[in-house]
Amino acid sequence: MPAAALKPKPTRSTTGRPALLDLPYEPVRKRPLPAGRPREWYVTHNRRLKAMRLAIALLDSGVYAPGQAGNERIHAAARLIGVHPPSDTTCHMVRALMRYCR
């Protein structure tokens, strides 16, 4: 079988533009949240986003188990990435995210 037959053919989705992993990191453009929801929805939504950011920062720093992520370590990660200190509820959410992502 010729070597050309073994080479995968490019798909329409990848021809003409580079793959996403080849591009330098650029944050996703923020969009406004949908209007008309109760205030509690916005509070919970922002808390979940903050918990995800903190969980990612902890995982990047080598903290892989929820037992290693005490409130002080989570507060230190918040200072490191430049977000306001998290509440106890947010710290609990960070540990829950680390637990369920396994």
PDB file of N, CA and C in Angstrom:
ATOM      1  N   MET A   1       0.851  -1.182   0.000  1.00  0.00           N
ATOM      2  CA  MET A   1       0.000   0.000   0.000  1.00  0.00           C
ATOM      3  C   MET A   1       0.894   1.243   0.000  1.00  0.00           C
ATOM      4  N   PRO A   2       0.651   2.189  -0.880  1.00  0.00           N
ATOM      5  CA  PRO A   2       1.497   3.386  -0.935  1.00  0.00           C
ATOM      6  C   PRO A   2       1.340   4.230   0.331  1.00  0.00           C
ATOM      7  N   ALA A   3       2.390   4.972   0.664  1.00  0.00           N
ATOM      8  CA  ALA A   3       2.386   5.803   1.879  1.00  0.00           C
ATOM      9  C   ALA A   3       1.337   6.900   1.808  1.00  0.00           C
ATOM     10  N   ALA A   4       1.036   7.378   0.608  1.00  0.00           N
ATOM     11  CA  ALA A   4       0.042   8.438   0.463  1.00  0.00           C
ATOM     12  C   ALA A   4      -1.340   7.952   0.875  1.00  0.00           C
ATOM     13  N   ALA A   5      -1.591   6.681   0.728  1.00  0.00           N
ATOM     14  CA  ALA A   5      -2.895   6.141   1.092  1.00  0.00           C
ATOM     15  C   ALA A   5      -3.067   6.080   2.609  1.00  0.00           C
ATOM     16  N   LEU A   6      -1.966   5.999   3.336  1.00  0.00           N
ATOM     17  CA  LEU A   6      -2.037   5.919   4.791  1.00  0.00           C
ATOM     18  C   LEU A   6      -2.174   7.281   5.458  1.00  0.00           C
ATOM     19  N   LYS A   7      -1.811   8.349   4.749  1.00  0.00           N
ATOM     20  CA  LYS A   7      -1.876   9.690   5.328  1.00  0.00           C
ATOM     21  C   LYS A   7      -3.339  10.132   5.423  1.00  0.00           C
ATOM     22  N   PRO A   8      -3.777  10.618   6.600  1.00  0.00           N
ATOM     23  CA  PRO A   8      -5.171  11.041   6.717  1.00  0.00           C
ATOM     24  C   PRO A   8      -5.444  12.269   5.869  1.00  0.00           C
ATOM     25  N   LYS A   9      -6.622  12.297   5.292  1.00  0.00           N
ATOM     26  CA  LYS A   9      -7.015  13.438   4.473  1.00  0.00           C
ATOM     27  C   LYS A   9      -7.526  14.554   5.375  1.00  0.00           C
ATOM     28  N   PRO A  10      -7.207  15.796   5.061  1.00  0.00           N
ATOM     29  CA  PRO A  10      -7.740  16.894   5.882  1.00  0.00           C
ATOM     30  C   PRO A  10      -9.245  17.017   5.693  1.00  0.00           C
ATOM     31  N   THR A  11      -9.909  17.359   6.767  1.00  0.00           N
ATOM     32  CA  THR A  11     -11.346  17.548   6.695  1.00  0.00           C
ATOM     33  C   THR A  11     -11.659  18.995   6.349  1.00  0.00           C
ATOM     34  N   ARG A  12     -12.906  19.234   6.003  1.00  0.00           N
ATOM     35  CA  ARG A  12     -13.294  20.609   5.668  1.00  0.00           C
ATOM     36  C   ARG A  12     -13.146  21.541   6.858  1.00  0.00           C
ATOM     37  N   SER A  13     -13.324  21.008   8.054  1.00  0.00           N
ATOM     38  CA  SER A  13     -13.282  21.876   9.225  1.00  0.00           C
ATOM     39  C   SER A  13     -11.871  22.351   9.540  1.00  0.00           C
ATOM     40  N   THR A  14     -10.832  21.614   9.087  1.00  0.00           N
ATOM     41  CA  THR A  14      -9.468  22.009   9.426  1.00  0.00           C
ATOM     42  C   THR A  14      -8.700  22.591   8.256  1.00  0.00           C
ATOM     43  N   THR A  15      -9.217  22.523   7.060  1.00  0.00           N
ATOM     44  CA  THR A  15      -8.485  23.069   5.930  1.00  0.00           C
ATOM     45  C   THR A  15      -8.632  24.583   5.902  1.00  0.00           C
ATOM     46  N   GLY A  16      -7.563  25.257   5.666  1.00  0.00           N
ATOM     47  CA  GLY A  16      -7.622  26.704   5.504  1.00  0.00           C
ATOM     48  C   GLY A  16      -7.469  27.496   6.795  1.00  0.00           C
ATOM     49  N   ARG A  17      -7.490  26.837   7.924  1.00  0.00           N
ATOM     50  CA  ARG A  17      -7.290  27.565   9.184  1.00  0.00           C
ATOM     51  C   ARG A  17      -6.558  26.655  10.161  1.00  0.00           C
ATOM     52  N   PRO A  18      -5.738  27.227  11.044  1.00  0.00           N
ATOM     53  CA  PRO A  18      -4.965  26.395  11.970  1.00  0.00           C
ATOM     54  C   PRO A  18      -5.866  25.786  13.045  1.00  0.00           C
ATOM     55  N   ALA A  19      -5.413  24.712  13.627  1.00  0.00           N
ATOM     56  CA  ALA A  19      -6.147  24.094  14.731  1.00  0.00           C
ATOM     57  C   ALA A  19      -6.108  25.019  15.931  1.00  0.00           C
ATOM     58  N   LEU A  20      -7.103  24.923  16.805  1.00  0.00           N
ATOM     59  CA  LEU A  20      -7.186  25.821  17.953  1.00  0.00           C
ATOM     60  C   LEU A  20      -5.990  25.689  18.882  1.00  0.00           C
ATOM     61  N   LEU A  21      -5.416  24.513  18.982  1.00  0.00           N
ATOM     62  CA  LEU A  21      -4.294  24.325  19.895  1.00  0.00           C
ATOM     63  C   LEU A  21      -3.019  24.993  19.396  1.00  0.00           C
ATOM     64  N   ASP A  22      -2.968  25.311  18.116  1.00  0.00           N
ATOM     65  CA  ASP A  22      -1.779  25.957  17.568  1.00  0.00           C
ATOM     66  C   ASP A  22      -1.761  27.467  17.810  1.00  0.00           C
ATOM     67  N   LEU A  23      -2.894  28.021  18.168  1.00  0.00           N
ATOM     68  CA  LEU A  23      -2.971  29.459  18.383  1.00  0.00           C
ATOM     69  C   LEU A  23      -2.518  29.816  19.791  1.00  0.00           C
ATOM     70  N   PRO A  24      -1.962  31.010  20.003  1.00  0.00           N
ATOM     71  CA  PRO A  24      -1.604  31.414  21.362  1.00  0.00           C
ATOM     72  C   PRO A  24      -2.856  31.621  22.204  1.00  0.00           C
ATOM     73  N   TYR A  25      -2.703  31.485  23.505  1.00  0.00           N
ATOM     74  CA  TYR A  25      -3.833  31.606  24.417  1.00  0.00           C
ATOM     75  C   TYR A  25      -4.405  33.011  24.374  1.00  0.00           C
ATOM     76  N   GLU A  26      -5.688  33.103  24.239  1.00  0.00           N
ATOM     77  CA  GLU A  26      -6.389  34.381  24.290  1.00  0.00           C
ATOM     78  C   GLU A  26      -7.686  34.162  25.047  1.00  0.00           C
ATOM     79  N   PRO A  27      -7.953  34.953  26.087  1.00  0.00           N
ATOM     80  CA  PRO A  27      -9.185  34.743  26.851  1.00  0.00           C
ATOM     81  C   PRO A  27     -10.421  34.911  25.977  1.00  0.00           C
ATOM     82  N   VAL A  28     -11.443  34.172  26.339  1.00  0.00           N
ATOM     83  CA  VAL A  28     -12.704  34.265  25.612  1.00  0.00           C
ATOM     84  C   VAL A  28     -13.334  35.618  25.889  1.00  0.00           C
ATOM     85  N   ARG A  29     -13.880  36.231  24.865  1.00  0.00           N
ATOM     86  CA  ARG A  29     -14.507  37.536  25.028  1.00  0.00           C
ATOM     87  C   ARG A  29     -15.743  37.399  25.916  1.00  0.00           C
ATOM     88  N   LYS A  30     -15.838  38.244  26.913  1.00  0.00           N
ATOM     89  CA  LYS A  30     -16.968  38.182  27.833  1.00  0.00           C
ATOM     90  C   LYS A  30     -18.201  38.769  27.181  1.00  0.00           C
ATOM     91  N   ARG A  31     -19.328  38.132  27.444  1.00  0.00           N
ATOM     92  CA  ARG A  31     -20.604  38.612  26.936  1.00  0.00           C
ATOM     93  C   ARG A  31     -21.487  38.950  28.128  1.00  0.00           C
ATOM     94  N   PRO A  32     -22.407  39.865  27.963  1.00  0.00           N
ATOM     95  CA  PRO A  32     -23.299  40.182  29.080  1.00  0.00           C
ATOM     96  C   PRO A  32     -24.198  38.997  29.406  1.00  0.00           C
ATOM     97  N   LEU A  33     -24.513  38.862  30.698  1.00  0.00           N
ATOM     98  CA  LEU A  33     -25.402  37.788  31.123  1.00  0.00           C
ATOM     99  C   LEU A  33     -26.828  38.099  30.682  1.00  0.00           C
ATOM    100  N   PRO A  34     -27.650  37.076  30.510  1.00  0.00           N
ATOM    101  CA  PRO A  34     -29.024  37.322  30.070  1.00  0.00           C
ATOM    102  C   PRO A  34     -29.818  38.094  31.119  1.00  0.00           C
ATOM    103  N   ALA A  35     -30.649  38.990  30.662  1.00  0.00           N
ATOM    104  CA  ALA A  35     -31.445  39.808  31.581  1.00  0.00           C
ATOM    105  C   ALA A  35     -32.717  39.069  31.972  1.00  0.00           C
ATOM    106  N   GLY A  36     -33.285  39.492  33.093  1.00  0.00           N
ATOM    107  CA  GLY A  36     -34.577  38.987  33.494  1.00  0.00           C
ATOM    108  C   GLY A  36     -34.556  37.790  34.426  1.00  0.00           C
ATOM    109  N   ARG A  37     -33.387  37.387  34.898  1.00  0.00           N
ATOM    110  CA  ARG A  37     -33.316  36.259  35.823  1.00  0.00           C
ATOM    111  C   ARG A  37     -33.329  36.788  37.250  1.00  0.00           C
ATOM    112  N   PRO A  38     -33.699  35.947  38.212  1.00  0.00           N
ATOM    113  CA  PRO A  38     -33.651  36.399  39.607  1.00  0.00           C
ATOM    114  C   PRO A  38     -32.211  36.656  40.041  1.00  0.00           C
ATOM    115  N   ARG A  39     -32.044  37.549  40.996  1.00  0.00           N
ATOM    116  CA  ARG A  39     -30.712  37.921  41.466  1.00  0.00           C
ATOM    117  C   ARG A  39     -29.921  36.712  41.947  1.00  0.00           C
ATOM    118  N   GLU A  40     -30.577  35.782  42.595  1.00  0.00           N
ATOM    119  CA  GLU A  40     -29.887  34.598  43.122  1.00  0.00           C
ATOM    120  C   GLU A  40     -29.223  33.789  42.003  1.00  0.00           C
ATOM    121  N   TRP A  41     -29.819  33.789  40.811  1.00  0.00           N
ATOM    122  CA  TRP A  41     -29.229  33.065  39.692  1.00  0.00           C
ATOM    123  C   TRP A  41     -27.878  33.674  39.321  1.00  0.00           C
ATOM    124  N   TYR A  42     -27.809  35.004  39.277  1.00  0.00           N
ATOM    125  CA  TYR A  42     -26.553  35.682  38.931  1.00  0.00           C
ATOM    126  C   TYR A  42     -25.481  35.440  39.996  1.00  0.00           C
ATOM    127  N   VAL A  43     -25.882  35.475  41.260  1.00  0.00           N
ATOM    128  CA  VAL A  43     -24.937  35.235  42.352  1.00  0.00           C
ATOM    129  C   VAL A  43     -24.371  33.826  42.239  1.00  0.00           C
ATOM    130  N   THR A  44     -25.244  32.846  42.030  1.00  0.00           N
ATOM    131  CA  THR A  44     -24.803  31.454  41.916  1.00  0.00           C
ATOM    132  C   THR A  44     -23.938  31.253  40.679  1.00  0.00           C
ATOM    133  N   HIS A  45     -24.318  31.861  39.573  1.00  0.00           N
ATOM    134  CA  HIS A  45     -23.553  31.727  38.333  1.00  0.00           C
ATOM    135  C   HIS A  45     -22.135  32.265  38.510  1.00  0.00           C
ATOM    136  N   ASN A  46     -22.009  33.460  39.069  1.00  0.00           N
ATOM    137  CA  ASN A  46     -20.681  34.051  39.274  1.00  0.00           C
ATOM    138  C   ASN A  46     -19.864  33.261  40.292  1.00  0.00           C
ATOM    139  N   ARG A  47     -20.542  32.712  41.303  1.00  0.00           N
ATOM    140  CA  ARG A  47     -19.838  31.896  42.297  1.00  0.00           C
ATOM    141  C   ARG A  47     -19.287  30.634  41.655  1.00  0.00           C
ATOM    142  N   ARG A  48     -20.061  30.017  40.765  1.00  0.00           N
ATOM    143  CA  ARG A  48     -19.580  28.812  40.071  1.00  0.00           C
ATOM    144  C   ARG A  48     -18.390  29.129  39.182  1.00  0.00           C
ATOM    145  N   LEU A  49     -18.445  30.257  38.475  1.00  0.00           N
ATOM    146  CA  LEU A  49     -17.314  30.647  37.633  1.00  0.00           C
ATOM    147  C   LEU A  49     -16.056  30.860  38.468  1.00  0.00           C
ATOM    148  N   LYS A  50     -16.204  31.520  39.603  1.00  0.00           N
ATOM    149  CA  LYS A  50     -15.063  31.771  40.483  1.00  0.00           C
ATOM    150  C   LYS A  50     -14.518  30.457  41.026  1.00  0.00           C
ATOM    151  N   ALA A  51     -15.400  29.543  41.403  1.00  0.00           N
ATOM    152  CA  ALA A  51     -14.966  28.247  41.916  1.00  0.00           C
ATOM    153  C   ALA A  51     -14.209  27.473  40.838  1.00  0.00           C
ATOM    154  N   MET A  52     -14.665  27.544  39.596  1.00  0.00           N
ATOM    155  CA  MET A  52     -13.960  26.860  38.507  1.00  0.00           C
ATOM    156  C   MET A  52     -12.577  27.455  38.297  1.00  0.00           C
ATOM    157  N   ARG A  53     -12.489  28.782  38.313  1.00  0.00           N
ATOM    158  CA  ARG A  53     -11.176  29.422  38.141  1.00  0.00           C
ATOM    159  C   ARG A  53     -10.216  29.007  39.247  1.00  0.00           C
ATOM    160  N   LEU A  54     -10.721  28.979  40.475  1.00  0.00           N
ATOM    161  CA  LEU A  54      -9.872  28.601  41.605  1.00  0.00           C
ATOM    162  C   LEU A  54      -9.481  27.129  41.535  1.00  0.00           C
ATOM    163  N   ALA A  55     -10.396  26.268  41.144  1.00  0.00           N
ATOM    164  CA  ALA A  55     -10.075  24.843  41.029  1.00  0.00           C
ATOM    165  C   ALA A  55      -9.005  24.627  39.962  1.00  0.00           C
ATOM    166  N   ILE A  56      -9.113  25.329  38.851  1.00  0.00           N
ATOM    167  CA  ILE A  56      -8.105  25.211  37.792  1.00  0.00           C
ATOM    168  C   ILE A  56      -6.755  25.706  38.284  1.00  0.00           C
ATOM    169  N   ALA A  57      -6.744  26.824  39.018  1.00  0.00           N
ATOM    170  CA  ALA A  57      -5.482  27.354  39.549  1.00  0.00           C
ATOM    171  C   ALA A  57      -4.855  26.375  40.533  1.00  0.00           C
ATOM    172  N   LEU A  58      -5.674  25.738  41.365  1.00  0.00           N
ATOM    173  CA  LEU A  58      -5.139  24.760  42.310  1.00  0.00           C
ATOM    174  C   LEU A  58      -4.592  23.541  41.583  1.00  0.00           C
ATOM    175  N   LEU A  59      -5.313  23.062  40.577  1.00  0.00           N
ATOM    176  CA  LEU A  59      -4.832  21.914  39.814  1.00  0.00           C
ATOM    177  C   LEU A  59      -3.523  22.245  39.100  1.00  0.00           C
ATOM    178  N   ASP A  60      -3.422  23.458  38.572  1.00  0.00           N
ATOM    179  CA  ASP A  60      -2.187  23.877  37.908  1.00  0.00           C
ATOM    180  C   ASP A  60      -1.019  23.971  38.878  1.00  0.00           C
ATOM    181  N   SER A  61      -1.317  24.270  40.140  1.00  0.00           N
ATOM    182  CA  SER A  61      -0.243  24.405  41.128  1.00  0.00           C
ATOM    183  C   SER A  61       0.106  23.082  41.799  1.00  0.00           C
ATOM    184  N   GLY A  62      -0.581  21.994  41.432  1.00  0.00           N
ATOM    185  CA  GLY A  62      -0.216  20.687  41.961  1.00  0.00           C
ATOM    186  C   GLY A  62      -1.106  20.168  43.072  1.00  0.00           C
ATOM    187  N   VAL A  63      -2.196  20.840  43.359  1.00  0.00           N
ATOM    188  CA  VAL A  63      -3.135  20.376  44.375  1.00  0.00           C
ATOM    189  C   VAL A  63      -4.207  19.573  43.647  1.00  0.00           C
ATOM    190  N   TYR A  64      -4.195  18.249  43.825  1.00  0.00           N
ATOM    191  CA  TYR A  64      -5.091  17.384  43.067  1.00  0.00           C
ATOM    192  C   TYR A  64      -6.215  16.783  43.898  1.00  0.00           C
ATOM    193  N   ALA A  65      -6.066  16.746  45.197  1.00  0.00           N
ATOM    194  CA  ALA A  65      -7.076  16.128  46.053  1.00  0.00           C
ATOM    195  C   ALA A  65      -7.820  17.206  46.831  1.00  0.00           C
ATOM    196  N   PRO A  66      -9.122  17.026  47.040  1.00  0.00           N
ATOM    197  CA  PRO A  66      -9.882  18.025  47.793  1.00  0.00           C
ATOM    198  C   PRO A  66      -9.399  18.154  49.235  1.00  0.00           C
ATOM    199  N   GLY A  67      -8.834  17.083  49.772  1.00  0.00           N
ATOM    200  CA  GLY A  67      -8.307  17.144  51.133  1.00  0.00           C
ATOM    201  C   GLY A  67      -7.102  18.066  51.264  1.00  0.00           C
ATOM    202  N   GLN A  68      -6.391  18.282  50.186  1.00  0.00           N
ATOM    203  CA  GLN A  68      -5.233  19.184  50.197  1.00  0.00           C
ATOM    204  C   GLN A  68      -5.651  20.643  50.062  1.00  0.00           C
ATOM    205  N   ALA A  69      -6.892  20.877  49.656  1.00  0.00           N
ATOM    206  CA  ALA A  69      -7.362  22.233  49.363  1.00  0.00           C
ATOM    207  C   ALA A  69      -8.131  22.794  50.554  1.00  0.00           C
ATOM    208  N   GLY A  70      -7.401  23.230  51.543  1.00  0.00           N
ATOM    209  CA  GLY A  70      -8.037  23.895  52.676  1.00  0.00           C
ATOM    210  C   GLY A  70      -8.386  25.326  52.321  1.00  0.00           C
ATOM    211  N   ASN A  71      -9.119  25.967  53.206  1.00  0.00           N
ATOM    212  CA  ASN A  71      -9.529  27.352  52.929  1.00  0.00           C
ATOM    213  C   ASN A  71      -8.330  28.270  52.719  1.00  0.00           C
ATOM    214  N   GLU A  72      -7.278  28.078  53.522  1.00  0.00           N
ATOM    215  CA  GLU A  72      -6.100  28.946  53.384  1.00  0.00           C
ATOM    216  C   GLU A  72      -5.430  28.770  52.024  1.00  0.00           C
ATOM    217  N   ARG A  73      -5.344  27.541  51.569  1.00  0.00           N
ATOM    218  CA  ARG A  73      -4.708  27.295  50.272  1.00  0.00           C
ATOM    219  C   ARG A  73      -5.566  27.879  49.143  1.00  0.00           C
ATOM    220  N   ILE A  74      -6.879  27.781  49.278  1.00  0.00           N
ATOM    221  CA  ILE A  74      -7.773  28.357  48.261  1.00  0.00           C
ATOM    222  C   ILE A  74      -7.671  29.882  48.276  1.00  0.00           C
ATOM    223  N   HIS A  75      -7.567  30.482  49.468  1.00  0.00           N
ATOM    224  CA  HIS A  75      -7.403  31.939  49.562  1.00  0.00           C
ATOM    225  C   HIS A  75      -6.072  32.362  48.938  1.00  0.00           C
ATOM    226  N   ALA A  76      -5.023  31.556  49.146  1.00  0.00           N
ATOM    227  CA  ALA A  76      -3.725  31.872  48.541  1.00  0.00           C
ATOM    228  C   ALA A  76      -3.811  31.802  47.018  1.00  0.00           C
ATOM    229  N   ALA A  77      -4.545  30.818  46.495  1.00  0.00           N
ATOM    230  CA  ALA A  77      -4.716  30.716  45.045  1.00  0.00           C
ATOM    231  C   ALA A  77      -5.496  31.916  44.512  1.00  0.00           C
ATOM    232  N   ALA A  78      -6.476  32.384  45.284  1.00  0.00           N
ATOM    233  CA  ALA A  78      -7.251  33.558  44.865  1.00  0.00           C
ATOM    234  C   ALA A  78      -6.359  34.793  44.786  1.00  0.00           C
ATOM    235  N   ARG A  79      -5.478  34.954  45.759  1.00  0.00           N
ATOM    236  CA  ARG A  79      -4.540  36.090  45.707  1.00  0.00           C
ATOM    237  C   ARG A  79      -3.617  35.960  44.506  1.00  0.00           C
ATOM    238  N   LEU A  80      -3.194  34.731  44.224  1.00  0.00           N
ATOM    239  CA  LEU A  80      -2.260  34.486  43.130  1.00  0.00           C
ATOM    240  C   LEU A  80      -2.874  34.826  41.774  1.00  0.00           C
ATOM    241  N   ILE A  81      -4.136  34.473  41.562  1.00  0.00           N
ATOM    242  CA  ILE A  81      -4.750  34.743  40.258  1.00  0.00           C
ATOM    243  C   ILE A  81      -5.462  36.082  40.208  1.00  0.00           C
ATOM    244  N   GLY A  82      -5.528  36.769  41.346  1.00  0.00           N
ATOM    245  CA  GLY A  82      -6.054  38.127  41.345  1.00  0.00           C
ATOM    246  C   GLY A  82      -7.558  38.247  41.438  1.00  0.00           C
ATOM    247  N   VAL A  83      -8.202  37.368  42.199  1.00  0.00           N
ATOM    248  CA  VAL A  83      -9.642  37.495  42.419  1.00  0.00           C
ATOM    249  C   VAL A  83      -9.883  37.785  43.903  1.00  0.00           C
ATOM    250  N   HIS A  84     -11.060  38.313  44.201  1.00  0.00           N
ATOM    251  CA  HIS A  84     -11.391  38.621  45.586  1.00  0.00           C
ATOM    252  C   HIS A  84     -11.394  37.351  46.425  1.00  0.00           C
ATOM    253  N   PRO A  85     -11.107  37.473  47.714  1.00  0.00           N
ATOM    254  CA  PRO A  85     -11.090  36.281  48.566  1.00  0.00           C
ATOM    255  C   PRO A  85     -12.449  35.571  48.526  1.00  0.00           C
ATOM    256  N   PRO A  86     -12.438  34.251  48.370  1.00  0.00           N
ATOM    257  CA  PRO A  86     -13.698  33.519  48.269  1.00  0.00           C
ATOM    258  C   PRO A  86     -14.351  33.323  49.634  1.00  0.00           C
ATOM    259  N   SER A  87     -15.660  33.147  49.604  1.00  0.00           N
ATOM    260  CA  SER A  87     -16.393  32.857  50.831  1.00  0.00           C
ATOM    261  C   SER A  87     -16.228  31.381  51.180  1.00  0.00           C
ATOM    262  N   ASP A  88     -16.719  30.989  52.348  1.00  0.00           N
ATOM    263  CA  ASP A  88     -16.663  29.582  52.737  1.00  0.00           C
ATOM    264  C   ASP A  88     -17.484  28.720  51.780  1.00  0.00           C
ATOM    265  N   THR A  89     -18.588  29.262  51.293  1.00  0.00           N
ATOM    266  CA  THR A  89     -19.417  28.519  50.340  1.00  0.00           C
ATOM    267  C   THR A  89     -18.653  28.274  49.042  1.00  0.00           C
ATOM    268  N   THR A  90     -17.928  29.280  48.568  1.00  0.00           N
ATOM    269  CA  THR A  90     -17.155  29.121  47.342  1.00  0.00           C
ATOM    270  C   THR A  90     -16.019  28.119  47.557  1.00  0.00           C
ATOM    271  N   CYS A  91     -15.383  28.152  48.719  1.00  0.00           N
ATOM    272  CA  CYS A  91     -14.323  27.182  49.026  1.00  0.00           C
ATOM    273  C   CYS A  91     -14.889  25.760  49.003  1.00  0.00           C
ATOM    274  N   HIS A  92     -16.085  25.609  49.531  1.00  0.00           N
ATOM    275  CA  HIS A  92     -16.739  24.301  49.523  1.00  0.00           C
ATOM    276  C   HIS A  92     -17.011  23.857  48.085  1.00  0.00           C
ATOM    277  N   MET A  93     -17.432  24.789  47.238  1.00  0.00           N
ATOM    278  CA  MET A  93     -17.685  24.470  45.830  1.00  0.00           C
ATOM    279  C   MET A  93     -16.402  24.071  45.110  1.00  0.00           C
ATOM    280  N   VAL A  94     -15.293  24.718  45.446  1.00  0.00           N
ATOM    281  CA  VAL A  94     -14.005  24.372  44.837  1.00  0.00           C
ATOM    282  C   VAL A  94     -13.653  22.933  45.165  1.00  0.00           C
ATOM    283  N   ARG A  95     -13.784  22.566  46.431  1.00  0.00           N
ATOM    284  CA  ARG A  95     -13.478  21.191  46.828  1.00  0.00           C
ATOM    285  C   ARG A  95     -14.433  20.200  46.159  1.00  0.00           C
ATOM    286  N   ALA A  96     -15.703  20.573  46.032  1.00  0.00           N
ATOM    287  CA  ALA A  96     -16.665  19.697  45.372  1.00  0.00           C
ATOM    288  C   ALA A  96     -16.300  19.503  43.891  1.00  0.00           C
ATOM    289  N   LEU A  97     -15.891  20.571  43.227  1.00  0.00           N
ATOM    290  CA  LEU A  97     -15.470  20.453  41.826  1.00  0.00           C
ATOM    291  C   LEU A  97     -14.271  19.525  41.693  1.00  0.00           C
ATOM    292  N   MET A  98     -13.318  19.654  42.611  1.00  0.00           N
ATOM    293  CA  MET A  98     -12.135  18.801  42.552  1.00  0.00           C
ATOM    294  C   MET A  98     -12.517  17.343  42.830  1.00  0.00           C
ATOM    295  N   ARG A  99     -13.496  17.138  43.646  1.00  0.00           N
ATOM    296  CA  ARG A  99     -13.930  15.778  43.990  1.00  0.00           C
ATOM    297  C   ARG A  99     -14.638  15.125  42.809  1.00  0.00           C
ATOM    298  N   TYR A 100     -15.517  15.855  42.144  1.00  0.00           N
ATOM    299  CA  TYR A 100     -16.337  15.265  41.095  1.00  0.00           C
ATOM    300  C   TYR A 100     -15.644  15.215  39.761  1.00  0.00           C
ATOM    301  N   CYS A 101     -14.535  15.887  39.594  1.00  0.00           N
ATOM    302  CA  CYS A 101     -13.813  15.870  38.324  1.00  0.00           C
ATOM    303  C   CYS A 101     -12.924  14.640  38.206  1.00  0.00           C
ATOM    304  N   ARG A 102     -12.833  13.849  39.223  1.00  0.00           N
ATOM    305  CA  ARG A 102     -11.954  12.663  39.201  1.00  0.00           C
ATOM    306  C   ARG A 102     -12.565  11.556  38.437  1.00  0.00           C
TER     307      ARG A 102
END
